[in-house]
Amino acid sequence: MTMRWTKGLAMAALAVALASCGGRQPLKPVQGQKLPAVPVGAATAPTAQDLTTPGTQARPERNVELLTQSKSRGDDEFDLPPERDPQ
C-alpha cells in the first residue's frame, strides 16, 4: 500500500513540475516570417495579446439568475392529440 502511495505522490509531483515549466514571455514572430496582414478596416495590425484574448462570443458571460418562483405552464395550442388515421 505504501509503494502505491509513494508512486502516486511521485507522479503528482512530476505532473506539477511539468505543468510549471512553461515560459511567460511575450510572443514574438519567428525570424524571417512576416506578421499577419492588417485586417480590412483596421488602423493597425493586431498584437499577439489581441489575437490570443478570447472574444465575447468565445467566452460569454453567464447568467446565474436563479428561478425564485414556479410558474404554471400555459396552454399550448399546438399540443394536439395524434390523428386516428395518419396518411
C-alpha atoms as a PDB file:
ATOM      1  CA  MET A   1       0.000   0.000   0.000  1.00  0.00           C
ATOM      2  CA  THR A   2       2.807   2.446   0.804  1.00  0.00           C
ATOM      3  CA  MET A   3       4.509   1.699  -2.522  1.00  0.00           C
ATOM      4  CA  ARG A   4       1.320   2.661  -4.380  1.00  0.00           C
ATOM      5  CA  TRP A   5       1.031   5.838  -2.283  1.00  0.00           C
ATOM      6  CA  THR A   6       4.663   6.765  -2.964  1.00  0.00           C
ATOM      7  CA  LYS A   7       4.285   6.101  -6.679  1.00  0.00           C
ATOM      8  CA  GLY A   8       1.146   8.261  -6.843  1.00  0.00           C
ATOM      9  CA  LEU A   9       2.862  11.078  -4.973  1.00  0.00           C
ATOM     10  CA  ALA A  10       5.844  10.904  -7.327  1.00  0.00           C
ATOM     11  CA  MET A  11       3.554  11.031 -10.377  1.00  0.00           C
ATOM     12  CA  ALA A  12       1.700  14.037  -8.943  1.00  0.00           C
ATOM     13  CA  ALA A  13       4.987  15.836  -8.268  1.00  0.00           C
ATOM     14  CA  LEU A  14       6.142  15.108 -11.826  1.00  0.00           C
ATOM     15  CA  ALA A  15       2.889  16.428 -13.262  1.00  0.00           C
ATOM     16  CA  VAL A  16       3.164  19.647 -11.235  1.00  0.00           C
ATOM     17  CA  ALA A  17       6.792  20.096 -12.292  1.00  0.00           C
ATOM     18  CA  LEU A  18       5.935  19.648 -15.978  1.00  0.00           C
ATOM     19  CA  ALA A  19       2.960  21.988 -15.781  1.00  0.00           C
ATOM     20  CA  SER A  20       5.014  24.758 -14.184  1.00  0.00           C
ATOM     21  CA  CYS A  21       7.865  24.806 -16.687  1.00  0.00           C
ATOM     22  CA  GLY A  22       6.072  26.922 -19.325  1.00  0.00           C
ATOM     23  CA  GLY A  23       7.561  30.292 -20.229  1.00  0.00           C
ATOM     24  CA  ARG A  24       5.816  33.598 -19.558  1.00  0.00           C
ATOM     25  CA  GLN A  25       7.497  35.745 -22.200  1.00  0.00           C
ATOM     26  CA  PRO A  26       5.736  37.958 -24.722  1.00  0.00           C
ATOM     27  CA  LEU A  27       5.093  36.314 -28.085  1.00  0.00           C
ATOM     28  CA  LYS A  28       7.352  37.364 -30.957  1.00  0.00           C
ATOM     29  CA  PRO A  29       7.289  36.281 -34.604  1.00  0.00           C
ATOM     30  CA  VAL A  30       9.885  33.781 -35.754  1.00  0.00           C
ATOM     31  CA  GLN A  31      12.843  35.342 -37.551  1.00  0.00           C
ATOM     32  CA  GLY A  32      12.228  35.571 -41.268  1.00  0.00           C
ATOM     33  CA  GLN A  33       8.424  35.312 -41.032  1.00  0.00           C
ATOM     34  CA  LYS A  34       6.020  38.173 -41.588  1.00  0.00           C
ATOM     35  CA  LEU A  35       3.402  39.324 -39.129  1.00  0.00           C
ATOM     36  CA  PRO A  36      -0.246  38.698 -40.043  1.00  0.00           C
ATOM     37  CA  ALA A  37      -1.762  41.127 -42.514  1.00  0.00           C
ATOM     38  CA  VAL A  38      -3.683  44.127 -41.237  1.00  0.00           C
ATOM     39  CA  PRO A  39      -7.420  43.302 -41.319  1.00  0.00           C
ATOM     40  CA  VAL A  40      -9.598  45.292 -43.702  1.00  0.00           C
ATOM     41  CA  GLY A  41     -10.917  48.390 -41.954  1.00  0.00           C
ATOM     42  CA  ALA A  42      -8.421  48.247 -39.071  1.00  0.00           C
ATOM     43  CA  ALA A  43      -5.976  51.086 -38.479  1.00  0.00           C
ATOM     44  CA  THR A  44      -3.175  48.858 -37.149  1.00  0.00           C
ATOM     45  CA  ALA A  45      -2.239  45.199 -37.117  1.00  0.00           C
ATOM     46  CA  PRO A  46      -3.462  43.220 -34.089  1.00  0.00           C
ATOM     47  CA  THR A  47      -0.876  42.437 -31.420  1.00  0.00           C
ATOM     48  CA  ALA A  48      -0.187  38.965 -30.066  1.00  0.00           C
ATOM     49  CA  GLN A  49      -2.232  39.820 -26.964  1.00  0.00           C
ATOM     50  CA  ASP A  50      -5.188  40.868 -29.155  1.00  0.00           C
ATOM     51  CA  LEU A  51      -5.014  37.619 -31.116  1.00  0.00           C
ATOM     52  CA  THR A  52      -4.836  35.379 -28.042  1.00  0.00           C
ATOM     53  CA  THR A  53      -7.545  37.095 -25.962  1.00  0.00           C
ATOM     54  CA  PRO A  54     -10.904  35.330 -26.470  1.00  0.00           C
ATOM     55  CA  GLY A  55     -13.805  37.483 -27.585  1.00  0.00           C
ATOM     56  CA  THR A  56     -17.234  37.724 -26.002  1.00  0.00           C
ATOM     57  CA  GLN A  57     -18.645  35.051 -28.309  1.00  0.00           C
ATOM     58  CA  ALA A  58     -15.889  32.626 -27.359  1.00  0.00           C
ATOM     59  CA  ARG A  59     -16.382  33.194 -23.612  1.00  0.00           C
ATOM     60  CA  PRO A  60     -19.844  34.644 -22.985  1.00  0.00           C
ATOM     61  CA  GLU A  61     -20.831  35.895 -19.571  1.00  0.00           C
ATOM     62  CA  ARG A  62     -23.019  33.526 -17.618  1.00  0.00           C
ATOM     63  CA  ASN A  63     -26.477  34.312 -16.380  1.00  0.00           C
ATOM     64  CA  VAL A  64     -26.699  32.921 -12.862  1.00  0.00           C
ATOM     65  CA  GLU A  65     -30.186  34.143 -12.109  1.00  0.00           C
ATOM     66  CA  LEU A  66     -31.931  31.511 -10.037  1.00  0.00           C
ATOM     67  CA  LEU A  67     -35.521  30.526 -10.515  1.00  0.00           C
ATOM     68  CA  THR A  68     -37.259  32.020  -7.494  1.00  0.00           C
ATOM     69  CA  GLN A  69     -40.873  31.169  -8.285  1.00  0.00           C
ATOM     70  CA  SER A  70     -42.618  28.309 -10.007  1.00  0.00           C
ATOM     71  CA  LYS A  71     -44.898  29.352 -12.824  1.00  0.00           C
ATOM     72  CA  SER A  72     -47.784  27.300 -14.092  1.00  0.00           C
ATOM     73  CA  ARG A  73     -47.470  26.285 -17.683  1.00  0.00           C
ATOM     74  CA  GLY A  74     -49.876  27.979 -20.074  1.00  0.00           C
ATOM     75  CA  ASP A  75     -51.976  26.227 -22.686  1.00  0.00           C
ATOM     76  CA  ASP A  76     -50.128  25.110 -25.799  1.00  0.00           C
ATOM     77  CA  GLU A  77     -52.332  25.469 -28.860  1.00  0.00           C
ATOM     78  CA  PHE A  78     -50.028  23.172 -30.849  1.00  0.00           C
ATOM     79  CA  ASP A  79     -50.168  20.283 -28.347  1.00  0.00           C
ATOM     80  CA  LEU A  80     -52.693  18.221 -30.290  1.00  0.00           C
ATOM     81  CA  PRO A  81     -53.548  14.525 -29.917  1.00  0.00           C
ATOM     82  CA  PRO A  82     -52.327  12.184 -32.682  1.00  0.00           C
ATOM     83  CA  GLU A  83     -54.557  11.604 -35.698  1.00  0.00           C
ATOM     84  CA  ARG A  84     -56.617   8.435 -35.799  1.00  0.00           C
ATOM     85  CA  ASP A  85     -55.713   7.516 -39.389  1.00  0.00           C
ATOM     86  CA  PRO A  86     -52.404   9.066 -40.397  1.00  0.00           C
ATOM     87  CA  GLN A  87     -51.992   9.271 -44.154  1.00  0.00           C
END
